[in-house]
Amino acid sequence: MGNARLKGQEVRQFLYGRTLECFHPGSDTCAATITYAADGTCRAVMEDARTDEGCYGFDRDLYWTQYEWFRDGGLFRFYLERIDHNTCQAFFEDGTKAFVQKIKS
């Protein structure tokens, strides 16, 4: 039995206006801290302290991001599966695992 996939409103509630710690799949290594601002912009601070600016939005049960250089500046869509109240596993639209995202306290 897998984790529950979040619906559109749940995806919005998890991301919108929050800062999340993002971990490599299957690892305790933090890859980035990403802030999803209320104005639709996002900012990633990578594990090596480099930063990147971008934008994000929502499309049905998915969210999308596009940064200046991260992931070569491409637009990518993701869905989320709940791990616990503060943590979700993100998946690229094709089902490939992306970051594990945890709400930063």
C-alpha atoms as a PDB file:
ATOM      1  CA  MET A   1       0.000   0.000   0.000  1.00  0.00           C
ATOM      2  CA  GLY A   2       1.512   3.309  -1.103  1.00  0.00           C
ATOM      3  CA  ASN A   3       1.264   6.777   0.347  1.00  0.00           C
ATOM      4  CA  ALA A   4      -1.778   8.906  -0.437  1.00  0.00           C
ATOM      5  CA  ARG A   5      -1.440  11.168  -3.475  1.00  0.00           C
ATOM      6  CA  LEU A   6      -2.437  14.729  -2.650  1.00  0.00           C
ATOM      7  CA  LYS A   7      -5.375  16.389  -4.405  1.00  0.00           C
ATOM      8  CA  GLY A   8      -5.125  19.902  -5.858  1.00  0.00           C
ATOM      9  CA  GLN A   9      -6.133  21.835  -2.736  1.00  0.00           C
ATOM     10  CA  GLU A  10      -3.839  19.712  -0.548  1.00  0.00           C
ATOM     11  CA  VAL A  11      -0.907  20.396  -2.897  1.00  0.00           C
ATOM     12  CA  ARG A  12      -1.599  24.130  -2.608  1.00  0.00           C
ATOM     13  CA  GLN A  13      -1.821  23.960   1.184  1.00  0.00           C
ATOM     14  CA  PHE A  14       1.457  22.059   1.414  1.00  0.00           C
ATOM     15  CA  LEU A  15       3.497  24.441  -0.783  1.00  0.00           C
ATOM     16  CA  TYR A  16       1.906  27.883  -0.929  1.00  0.00           C
ATOM     17  CA  GLY A  17       3.801  30.498   1.084  1.00  0.00           C
ATOM     18  CA  ARG A  18       6.073  27.904   2.723  1.00  0.00           C
ATOM     19  CA  THR A  19       9.747  27.109   2.977  1.00  0.00           C
ATOM     20  CA  LEU A  20      10.592  23.434   2.513  1.00  0.00           C
ATOM     21  CA  GLU A  21      13.750  21.438   3.098  1.00  0.00           C
ATOM     22  CA  CYS A  22      14.282  19.188   0.086  1.00  0.00           C
ATOM     23  CA  PHE A  23      16.164  15.907   0.344  1.00  0.00           C
ATOM     24  CA  HIS A  24      17.581  13.598  -2.289  1.00  0.00           C
ATOM     25  CA  PRO A  25      15.263  10.568  -2.670  1.00  0.00           C
ATOM     26  CA  GLY A  26      16.239   7.741  -0.324  1.00  0.00           C
ATOM     27  CA  SER A  27      18.728   9.957   1.503  1.00  0.00           C
ATOM     28  CA  ASP A  28      18.987  12.175   4.565  1.00  0.00           C
ATOM     29  CA  THR A  29      21.111  14.611   2.543  1.00  0.00           C
ATOM     30  CA  CYS A  30      19.487  18.010   2.121  1.00  0.00           C
ATOM     31  CA  ALA A  31      19.725  19.055  -1.538  1.00  0.00           C
ATOM     32  CA  ALA A  32      18.099  22.468  -1.222  1.00  0.00           C
ATOM     33  CA  THR A  33      15.821  24.712   0.772  1.00  0.00           C
ATOM     34  CA  ILE A  34      13.047  26.091  -1.409  1.00  0.00           C
ATOM     35  CA  THR A  35      10.702  28.945  -0.575  1.00  0.00           C
ATOM     36  CA  TYR A  36       7.391  29.051  -2.441  1.00  0.00           C
ATOM     37  CA  ALA A  37       6.355  32.686  -1.971  1.00  0.00           C
ATOM     38  CA  ALA A  38       2.732  33.802  -2.006  1.00  0.00           C
ATOM     39  CA  ASP A  39       3.384  35.876  -5.162  1.00  0.00           C
ATOM     40  CA  GLY A  40       4.153  32.781  -7.306  1.00  0.00           C
ATOM     41  CA  THR A  41       7.926  33.123  -7.183  1.00  0.00           C
ATOM     42  CA  CYS A  42      10.230  30.513  -5.701  1.00  0.00           C
ATOM     43  CA  ARG A  43      13.797  30.660  -4.495  1.00  0.00           C
ATOM     44  CA  ALA A  44      16.105  27.687  -4.122  1.00  0.00           C
ATOM     45  CA  VAL A  45      19.178  27.718  -1.902  1.00  0.00           C
ATOM     46  CA  MET A  46      21.171  24.682  -2.955  1.00  0.00           C
ATOM     47  CA  GLU A  47      23.334  22.507  -0.696  1.00  0.00           C
ATOM     48  CA  ASP A  48      26.444  24.277  -2.040  1.00  0.00           C
ATOM     49  CA  ALA A  49      24.889  27.697  -1.139  1.00  0.00           C
ATOM     50  CA  ARG A  50      24.202  28.710  -4.754  1.00  0.00           C
ATOM     51  CA  THR A  51      20.783  30.312  -5.218  1.00  0.00           C
ATOM     52  CA  ASP A  52      18.301  30.320  -8.065  1.00  0.00           C
ATOM     53  CA  GLU A  53      15.105  32.258  -8.655  1.00  0.00           C
ATOM     54  CA  GLY A  54      12.054  30.968 -10.447  1.00  0.00           C
ATOM     55  CA  CYS A  55       8.299  30.752 -10.492  1.00  0.00           C
ATOM     56  CA  TYR A  56       5.756  28.084  -9.642  1.00  0.00           C
ATOM     57  CA  GLY A  57       2.075  27.386 -10.055  1.00  0.00           C
ATOM     58  CA  PHE A  58      -0.621  24.770  -9.874  1.00  0.00           C
ATOM     59  CA  ASP A  59      -2.392  22.670 -12.508  1.00  0.00           C
ATOM     60  CA  ARG A  60      -5.110  20.320 -11.219  1.00  0.00           C
ATOM     61  CA  ASP A  61      -3.394  17.890  -8.796  1.00  0.00           C
ATOM     62  CA  LEU A  62       0.078  18.933  -9.992  1.00  0.00           C
ATOM     63  CA  TYR A  63       2.387  21.830  -9.312  1.00  0.00           C
ATOM     64  CA  TRP A  64       5.071  23.130 -11.666  1.00  0.00           C
ATOM     65  CA  THR A  65       8.335  25.000 -11.258  1.00  0.00           C
ATOM     66  CA  GLN A  66      10.698  26.791 -13.596  1.00  0.00           C
ATOM     67  CA  TYR A  67      14.015  28.257 -12.477  1.00  0.00           C
ATOM     68  CA  GLU A  68      16.657  30.336 -14.237  1.00  0.00           C
ATOM     69  CA  TRP A  69      19.319  27.575 -14.255  1.00  0.00           C
ATOM     70  CA  PHE A  70      18.206  24.736 -11.939  1.00  0.00           C
ATOM     71  CA  ARG A  71      17.166  21.713 -14.030  1.00  0.00           C
ATOM     72  CA  ASP A  72      18.476  23.642 -17.057  1.00  0.00           C
ATOM     73  CA  GLY A  73      15.692  26.228 -16.725  1.00  0.00           C
ATOM     74  CA  GLY A  74      13.012  23.787 -17.894  1.00  0.00           C
ATOM     75  CA  LEU A  75       9.416  23.755 -16.751  1.00  0.00           C
ATOM     76  CA  PHE A  76       8.631  20.589 -14.796  1.00  0.00           C
ATOM     77  CA  ARG A  77       5.390  19.303 -13.306  1.00  0.00           C
ATOM     78  CA  PHE A  78       5.192  17.253 -10.109  1.00  0.00           C
ATOM     79  CA  TYR A  79       2.714  15.438  -7.937  1.00  0.00           C
ATOM     80  CA  LEU A  80       3.028  14.809  -4.212  1.00  0.00           C
ATOM     81  CA  GLU A  81       2.457  11.775  -2.019  1.00  0.00           C
ATOM     82  CA  ARG A  82       2.077  12.291   1.714  1.00  0.00           C
ATOM     83  CA  ILE A  83       4.677  10.637   3.969  1.00  0.00           C
ATOM     84  CA  ASP A  84       3.562  12.332   7.188  1.00  0.00           C
ATOM     85  CA  HIS A  85       1.861  15.583   8.190  1.00  0.00           C
ATOM     86  CA  ASN A  86       4.942  17.712   7.372  1.00  0.00           C
ATOM     87  CA  THR A  87       6.593  15.609   4.655  1.00  0.00           C
ATOM     88  CA  CYS A  88       5.788  14.635   1.060  1.00  0.00           C
ATOM     89  CA  GLN A  89       7.597  12.721  -1.667  1.00  0.00           C
ATOM     90  CA  ALA A  90       7.535  14.695  -4.915  1.00  0.00           C
ATOM     91  CA  PHE A  91       7.392  12.832  -8.217  1.00  0.00           C
ATOM     92  CA  PHE A  92       7.987  14.161 -11.696  1.00  0.00           C
ATOM     93  CA  GLU A  93       4.861  13.879 -13.823  1.00  0.00           C
ATOM     94  CA  ASP A  94       6.249  10.655 -15.375  1.00  0.00           C
ATOM     95  CA  GLY A  95       6.450   8.984 -11.937  1.00  0.00           C
ATOM     96  CA  THR A  96      10.201   9.389 -11.374  1.00  0.00           C
ATOM     97  CA  LYS A  97      11.044  10.357  -7.793  1.00  0.00           C
ATOM     98  CA  ALA A  98      12.062  13.954  -7.196  1.00  0.00           C
ATOM     99  CA  PHE A  99      12.842  15.544  -3.821  1.00  0.00           C
ATOM    100  CA  VAL A 100      11.406  14.510  -0.469  1.00  0.00           C
ATOM    101  CA  GLN A 101      10.035  17.794   0.843  1.00  0.00           C
ATOM    102  CA  LYS A 102       9.647  18.653   4.517  1.00  0.00           C
ATOM    103  CA  ILE A 103       8.047  21.800   5.901  1.00  0.00           C
ATOM    104  CA  LYS A 104      10.790  23.836   7.577  1.00  0.00           C
ATOM    105  CA  SER A 105       9.930  24.757  11.148  1.00  0.00           C
END
